[in-house]
């Protein structure tokens, strides 16, 4: 009967070795999957970073252009108000008060628009 015991031990050893090989292959497979996942995450992150950089650049350019337009509009409004000022001085008191209220409301609206544009650009 020692032969059966030897055969059983050899079979047990072969099964144990096979199990170790299967576990080892499983570990290698998991490691490979993790490496591929990390590579994929890295590949997907690069375009996102490029897009975010472009978005930041675009926002900066839009902000600059909005400021340029705001400056030009303020200059035009200043010239218009300077041109209309002598005429406003000749208006009756009630009309002059209405014009002053309109100027104040226009300034407030421009300020609100500037704040809104600043918040959108930021």
N, C-alpha and C. Protein backbone atom coordinates (compact mmCIF):
# COMPACT_ATOMS: atom_id res chain seq x y z
N UNK A 1 0.77 -1.19 0.00
CA UNK A 1 0.00 0.00 0.00
C UNK A 1 0.83 1.27 0.00
N UNK A 2 2.09 1.19 0.22
CA UNK A 2 2.86 2.41 0.15
C UNK A 2 2.77 3.06 -1.22
N UNK A 3 2.50 2.29 -2.23
CA UNK A 3 2.40 2.87 -3.57
C UNK A 3 1.19 3.79 -3.68
N UNK A 4 0.08 3.40 -3.09
CA UNK A 4 -1.13 4.23 -3.13
C UNK A 4 -0.88 5.52 -2.37
N UNK A 5 -0.18 5.41 -1.22
CA UNK A 5 0.14 6.60 -0.43
C UNK A 5 1.05 7.52 -1.24
N UNK A 6 2.03 6.97 -1.95
CA UNK A 6 2.93 7.78 -2.76
C UNK A 6 2.17 8.44 -3.91
N UNK A 7 1.29 7.68 -4.52
CA UNK A 7 0.50 8.23 -5.63
C UNK A 7 -0.42 9.33 -5.11
N UNK A 8 -1.03 9.12 -3.97
CA UNK A 8 -1.90 10.13 -3.37
C UNK A 8 -1.12 11.39 -3.04
N UNK A 9 0.07 11.23 -2.50
CA UNK A 9 0.91 12.39 -2.19
C UNK A 9 1.31 13.13 -3.46
N UNK A 10 1.63 12.39 -4.51
CA UNK A 10 2.00 13.01 -5.77
C UNK A 10 0.82 13.76 -6.38
N UNK A 11 -0.35 13.12 -6.30
CA UNK A 11 -1.56 13.79 -6.82
C UNK A 11 -1.84 15.04 -5.99
N UNK A 12 -1.73 14.93 -4.68
CA UNK A 12 -1.95 16.09 -3.80
C UNK A 12 -0.96 17.19 -4.13
N UNK A 13 0.30 16.81 -4.32
CA UNK A 13 1.34 17.80 -4.66
C UNK A 13 1.05 18.43 -6.01
N UNK A 14 0.62 17.64 -6.99
CA UNK A 14 0.31 18.16 -8.33
C UNK A 14 -0.88 19.12 -8.26
N UNK A 15 -1.92 18.73 -7.49
CA UNK A 15 -3.10 19.60 -7.34
C UNK A 15 -2.71 20.89 -6.62
N UNK A 16 -1.89 20.79 -5.57
CA UNK A 16 -1.43 21.97 -4.83
C UNK A 16 -0.63 22.88 -5.76
N UNK A 17 0.28 22.31 -6.55
CA UNK A 17 1.07 23.11 -7.49
C UNK A 17 0.16 23.77 -8.52
N UNK A 18 -0.82 23.02 -9.00
CA UNK A 18 -1.76 23.59 -9.98
C UNK A 18 -2.54 24.75 -9.35
N UNK A 19 -2.94 24.57 -8.09
CA UNK A 19 -3.67 25.64 -7.40
C UNK A 19 -2.78 26.87 -7.25
N UNK A 20 -1.51 26.66 -6.89
CA UNK A 20 -0.58 27.78 -6.78
C UNK A 20 -0.42 28.48 -8.13
N UNK A 21 -0.34 27.70 -9.20
CA UNK A 21 -0.21 28.30 -10.54
C UNK A 21 -1.45 29.12 -10.88
N UNK A 22 -2.63 28.56 -10.58
CA UNK A 22 -3.89 29.28 -10.85
C UNK A 22 -3.96 30.57 -10.05
N UNK A 23 -3.60 30.49 -8.77
CA UNK A 23 -3.61 31.70 -7.93
C UNK A 23 -2.60 32.71 -8.45
N UNK A 24 -1.42 32.23 -8.81
CA UNK A 24 -0.39 33.12 -9.35
C UNK A 24 -0.84 33.79 -10.63
N UNK A 25 -1.46 33.02 -11.53
CA UNK A 25 -1.98 33.62 -12.77
C UNK A 25 -3.09 34.62 -12.48
N UNK A 26 -3.91 34.31 -11.49
CA UNK A 26 -4.96 35.25 -11.10
C UNK A 26 -4.38 36.56 -10.58
N UNK A 27 -3.34 36.46 -9.75
CA UNK A 27 -2.69 37.66 -9.22
C UNK A 27 -2.08 38.47 -10.36
N UNK A 28 -1.40 37.78 -11.27
CA UNK A 28 -0.81 38.48 -12.42
C UNK A 28 -1.89 39.15 -13.27
N UNK A 29 -3.02 38.47 -13.45
CA UNK A 29 -4.12 39.05 -14.22
C UNK A 29 -4.67 40.30 -13.57
N UNK A 30 -4.84 40.26 -12.25
CA UNK A 30 -5.35 41.44 -11.52
C UNK A 30 -4.35 42.59 -11.62
N UNK A 31 -3.07 42.28 -11.46
CA UNK A 31 -2.05 43.34 -11.57
C UNK A 31 -2.05 43.95 -12.96
N UNK A 32 -2.18 43.11 -13.97
CA UNK A 32 -2.21 43.61 -15.35
C UNK A 32 -3.43 44.51 -15.56
N UNK A 33 -4.56 44.10 -15.04
CA UNK A 33 -5.78 44.91 -15.16
C UNK A 33 -5.61 46.26 -14.47
N UNK A 34 -4.96 46.26 -13.30
CA UNK A 34 -4.72 47.52 -12.59
C UNK A 34 -3.81 48.43 -13.39
N UNK A 35 -2.77 47.87 -13.98
CA UNK A 35 -1.85 48.67 -14.78
C UNK A 35 -2.59 49.28 -15.96
N UNK A 36 -3.40 48.48 -16.63
CA UNK A 36 -4.16 49.00 -17.78
C UNK A 36 -5.16 50.06 -17.34
N UNK A 37 -5.76 49.87 -16.19
CA UNK A 37 -6.71 50.88 -15.68
C UNK A 37 -5.98 52.19 -15.42
N UNK A 38 -4.79 52.11 -14.79
CA UNK A 38 -4.00 53.33 -14.53
C UNK A 38 -3.60 54.00 -15.84
N UNK A 39 -3.21 53.21 -16.81
CA UNK A 39 -2.84 53.78 -18.11
C UNK A 39 -4.03 54.46 -18.77
N UNK A 40 -5.19 53.83 -18.68
CA UNK A 40 -6.40 54.41 -19.27
C UNK A 40 -6.79 55.71 -18.56
N UNK A 41 -6.72 55.69 -17.24
CA UNK A 41 -7.04 56.92 -16.49
C UNK A 41 -6.08 58.04 -16.90
N UNK A 42 -4.82 57.71 -17.04
CA UNK A 42 -3.82 58.72 -17.44
C UNK A 42 -4.12 59.24 -18.85
N UNK A 43 -4.45 58.32 -19.77
CA UNK A 43 -4.74 58.74 -21.13
C UNK A 43 -5.99 59.61 -21.20
N UNK A 44 -6.96 59.31 -20.37
CA UNK A 44 -8.19 60.11 -20.36
C UNK A 44 -8.00 61.45 -19.66
N UNK A 45 -7.06 61.51 -18.74
CA UNK A 45 -6.83 62.75 -17.99
C UNK A 45 -6.12 63.79 -18.85
N UNK A 46 -5.28 63.36 -19.77
CA UNK A 46 -4.52 64.32 -20.58
C UNK A 46 -5.43 65.21 -21.43
N UNK A 47 -6.39 64.65 -22.19
CA UNK A 47 -7.27 65.54 -22.96
C UNK A 47 -8.09 66.46 -22.06
N UNK A 48 -8.48 65.95 -20.91
CA UNK A 48 -9.26 66.78 -19.99
C UNK A 48 -8.43 67.97 -19.52
N UNK A 49 -7.18 67.72 -19.20
CA UNK A 49 -6.30 68.79 -18.75
C UNK A 49 -6.11 69.81 -19.87
N UNK A 50 -5.92 69.33 -21.09
CA UNK A 50 -5.78 70.23 -22.23
C UNK A 50 -7.04 71.06 -22.43
N UNK A 51 -8.19 70.42 -22.30
CA UNK A 51 -9.46 71.13 -22.44
C UNK A 51 -9.61 72.20 -21.37
N UNK A 52 -9.27 71.84 -20.14
CA UNK A 52 -9.37 72.81 -19.04
C UNK A 52 -8.43 73.98 -19.26
N UNK A 53 -7.23 73.71 -19.76
CA UNK A 53 -6.28 74.79 -20.05
C UNK A 53 -6.84 75.72 -21.13
N UNK A 54 -7.42 75.12 -22.16
CA UNK A 54 -8.02 75.94 -23.22
C UNK A 54 -9.19 76.76 -22.70
N UNK A 55 -9.97 76.15 -21.82
CA UNK A 55 -11.10 76.85 -21.24
C UNK A 55 -10.64 78.04 -20.41
N UNK A 56 -9.59 77.86 -19.64
CA UNK A 56 -9.05 78.96 -18.84
C UNK A 56 -8.56 80.08 -19.76
N UNK A 57 -7.87 79.71 -20.83
CA UNK A 57 -7.39 80.71 -21.78
C UNK A 57 -8.56 81.46 -22.43
N UNK A 58 -9.60 80.71 -22.81
CA UNK A 58 -10.77 81.35 -23.44
C UNK A 58 -11.46 82.30 -22.47
N UNK A 59 -11.60 81.87 -21.23
CA UNK A 59 -12.23 82.76 -20.23
C UNK A 59 -11.41 84.04 -20.06
N UNK A 60 -10.10 83.90 -20.02
CA UNK A 60 -9.25 85.08 -19.88
C UNK A 60 -9.40 86.02 -21.07
N UNK A 61 -9.46 85.46 -22.26
CA UNK A 61 -9.62 86.27 -23.47
C UNK A 61 -10.99 86.95 -23.48
N UNK A 62 -12.03 86.22 -23.09
CA UNK A 62 -13.38 86.81 -23.04
C UNK A 62 -13.42 87.94 -22.01
N UNK A 63 -12.81 87.72 -20.87
CA UNK A 63 -12.79 88.75 -19.83
C UNK A 63 -12.09 90.01 -20.34
N UNK A 64 -10.98 89.81 -21.03
CA UNK A 64 -10.24 90.95 -21.58
C UNK A 64 -11.10 91.71 -22.59
N UNK A 65 -11.76 90.97 -23.47
CA UNK A 65 -12.59 91.61 -24.49
C UNK A 65 -13.78 92.34 -23.86
N UNK A 66 -14.37 91.75 -22.84
CA UNK A 66 -15.49 92.42 -22.15
C UNK A 66 -15.01 93.73 -21.52
N UNK A 67 -13.83 93.70 -20.93
CA UNK A 67 -13.29 94.94 -20.34
C UNK A 67 -13.03 95.98 -21.41
N UNK A 68 -12.50 95.54 -22.57
CA UNK A 68 -12.25 96.47 -23.67
C UNK A 68 -13.56 97.11 -24.15
N UNK A 69 -14.59 96.28 -24.32
CA UNK A 69 -15.89 96.80 -24.76
C UNK A 69 -16.46 97.74 -23.71
N UNK A 70 -16.32 97.38 -22.44
CA UNK A 70 -16.82 98.22 -21.36
C UNK A 70 -16.13 99.58 -21.38
N UNK A 71 -14.84 99.58 -21.61
CA UNK A 71 -14.09 100.84 -21.67
C UNK A 71 -14.60 101.71 -22.81
N UNK A 72 -14.78 101.12 -23.98
CA UNK A 72 -15.27 101.88 -25.14
C UNK A 72 -16.67 102.41 -24.89
N UNK A 73 -17.55 101.57 -24.33
CA UNK A 73 -18.92 102.00 -24.05
C UNK A 73 -18.92 103.16 -23.05
N UNK A 74 -18.08 103.06 -22.02
CA UNK A 74 -18.00 104.15 -21.04
C UNK A 74 -17.53 105.46 -21.70
N UNK A 75 -16.59 105.35 -22.61
CA UNK A 75 -16.11 106.55 -23.32
C UNK A 75 -17.23 107.17 -24.16
N UNK A 76 -17.97 106.31 -24.86
CA UNK A 76 -19.07 106.80 -25.69
C UNK A 76 -20.15 107.44 -24.82
N UNK A 77 -20.47 106.81 -23.72
CA UNK A 77 -21.48 107.37 -22.81
C UNK A 77 -20.99 108.69 -22.24
N UNK A 78 -19.72 108.76 -21.88
CA UNK A 78 -19.17 110.01 -21.36
C UNK A 78 -19.26 111.14 -22.37
N UNK A 79 -18.92 110.84 -23.62
CA UNK A 79 -19.03 111.87 -24.67
C UNK A 79 -20.47 112.29 -24.89
N UNK A 80 -21.37 111.31 -24.91
CA UNK A 80 -22.78 111.60 -25.10
C UNK A 80 -23.32 112.47 -23.97
N UNK A 81 -22.97 112.12 -22.74
CA UNK A 81 -23.43 112.92 -21.60
C UNK A 81 -22.83 114.32 -21.65
N UNK A 82 -21.57 114.43 -22.06
CA UNK A 82 -20.95 115.77 -22.15
C UNK A 82 -21.63 116.60 -23.23
N UNK A 83 -22.04 115.95 -24.30
CA UNK A 83 -22.71 116.67 -25.38
C UNK A 83 -24.11 117.12 -24.96
N UNK A 84 -24.79 116.27 -24.20
CA UNK A 84 -26.17 116.58 -23.80
C UNK A 84 -26.25 117.48 -22.56
N UNK A 85 -25.15 117.62 -21.85
CA UNK A 85 -25.16 118.41 -20.61
C UNK A 85 -25.63 119.86 -20.82
N UNK A 86 -25.15 120.58 -21.85
CA UNK A 86 -25.64 121.96 -22.03
C UNK A 86 -27.14 122.01 -22.32
N UNK A 87 -27.63 121.01 -23.03
CA UNK A 87 -29.06 120.98 -23.35
C UNK A 87 -29.85 120.70 -22.08
N UNK A 88 -29.37 119.80 -21.25
CA UNK A 88 -30.06 119.47 -20.01
C UNK A 88 -30.14 120.69 -19.10
N UNK A 89 -29.13 121.52 -19.14
CA UNK A 89 -29.13 122.72 -18.30
C UNK A 89 -30.23 123.69 -18.66
N UNK A 90 -30.70 123.62 -19.88
CA UNK A 90 -31.75 124.55 -20.33
C UNK A 90 -33.16 123.98 -20.13
N UNK A 91 -33.23 122.75 -19.66
CA UNK A 91 -34.53 122.12 -19.47
C UNK A 91 -35.21 122.67 -18.21
N UNK A 92 -36.54 122.56 -18.18
CA UNK A 92 -37.24 122.94 -16.94
C UNK A 92 -36.83 122.02 -15.80
N UNK A 93 -37.05 122.44 -14.61
CA UNK A 93 -36.60 121.72 -13.43
C UNK A 93 -37.13 120.29 -13.39
N UNK A 94 -38.40 120.09 -13.65
CA UNK A 94 -38.96 118.74 -13.61
C UNK A 94 -38.31 117.84 -14.67
N UNK A 95 -38.12 118.35 -15.86
CA UNK A 95 -37.50 117.56 -16.92
C UNK A 95 -36.04 117.26 -16.56
N UNK A 96 -35.36 118.24 -15.99
CA UNK A 96 -33.96 118.04 -15.57
C UNK A 96 -33.87 116.96 -14.50
N UNK A 97 -34.82 116.95 -13.58
CA UNK A 97 -34.85 115.91 -12.54
C UNK A 97 -35.08 114.53 -13.16
N UNK A 98 -35.98 114.46 -14.13
CA UNK A 98 -36.24 113.18 -14.81
C UNK A 98 -34.99 112.68 -15.55
N UNK A 99 -34.29 113.58 -16.20
CA UNK A 99 -33.06 113.22 -16.91
C UNK A 99 -32.02 112.73 -15.92
N UNK A 100 -31.91 113.40 -14.77
CA UNK A 100 -30.95 112.97 -13.74
C UNK A 100 -31.31 111.57 -13.24
N UNK A 101 -32.59 111.31 -13.01
CA UNK A 101 -33.01 109.97 -12.58
C UNK A 101 -32.68 108.91 -13.65
N UNK A 102 -32.89 109.29 -14.90
CA UNK A 102 -32.57 108.35 -16.00
C UNK A 102 -31.07 108.06 -16.02
N UNK A 103 -30.24 109.07 -15.82
CA UNK A 103 -28.78 108.86 -15.76
C UNK A 103 -28.41 107.93 -14.61
N UNK A 104 -29.01 108.18 -13.45
CA UNK A 104 -28.70 107.34 -12.28
C UNK A 104 -29.11 105.89 -12.52
N UNK A 105 -30.29 105.70 -13.09
CA UNK A 105 -30.75 104.34 -13.37
C UNK A 105 -29.87 103.66 -14.43
N UNK A 106 -29.44 104.41 -15.41
CA UNK A 106 -28.57 103.85 -16.45
C UNK A 106 -27.23 103.44 -15.85
N UNK A 107 -26.68 104.27 -14.96
CA UNK A 107 -25.42 103.91 -14.29
C UNK A 107 -25.58 102.64 -13.46
N UNK A 108 -26.70 102.57 -12.74
CA UNK A 108 -26.96 101.38 -11.91
C UNK A 108 -27.09 100.13 -12.79
N UNK A 109 -27.79 100.25 -13.91
CA UNK A 109 -27.95 99.11 -14.82
C UNK A 109 -26.60 98.69 -15.40
N UNK A 110 -25.77 99.65 -15.77
CA UNK A 110 -24.43 99.32 -16.29
C UNK A 110 -23.59 98.62 -15.23
N UNK A 111 -23.70 99.09 -13.99
CA UNK A 111 -22.94 98.46 -12.91
C UNK A 111 -23.41 97.02 -12.67
N UNK A 112 -24.71 96.80 -12.70
CA UNK A 112 -25.24 95.45 -12.53
C UNK A 112 -24.79 94.54 -13.67
N UNK A 113 -24.79 95.08 -14.89
CA UNK A 113 -24.33 94.32 -16.04
C UNK A 113 -22.85 93.96 -15.91
N UNK A 114 -22.04 94.92 -15.46
CA UNK A 114 -20.61 94.65 -15.25
C UNK A 114 -20.42 93.54 -14.22
N UNK A 115 -21.16 93.62 -13.12
CA UNK A 115 -21.06 92.60 -12.07
C UNK A 115 -21.46 91.23 -12.61
N UNK A 116 -22.54 91.20 -13.35
CA UNK A 116 -23.01 89.94 -13.95
C UNK A 116 -21.96 89.36 -14.90
N UNK A 117 -21.42 90.19 -15.77
CA UNK A 117 -20.40 89.72 -16.71
C UNK A 117 -19.14 89.26 -15.99
N UNK A 118 -18.78 89.97 -14.95
CA UNK A 118 -17.60 89.58 -14.17
C UNK A 118 -17.80 88.21 -13.52
N UNK A 119 -19.01 87.99 -12.97
CA UNK A 119 -19.30 86.70 -12.33
C UNK A 119 -19.34 85.55 -13.34
N UNK A 120 -19.84 85.82 -14.54
CA UNK A 120 -19.91 84.79 -15.57
C UNK A 120 -18.52 84.46 -16.07
N UNK A 121 -17.68 85.47 -16.23
CA UNK A 121 -16.32 85.25 -16.75
C UNK A 121 -15.42 84.57 -15.72
N UNK A 122 -15.72 84.72 -14.44
CA UNK A 122 -14.87 84.14 -13.40
C UNK A 122 -15.13 82.70 -13.15
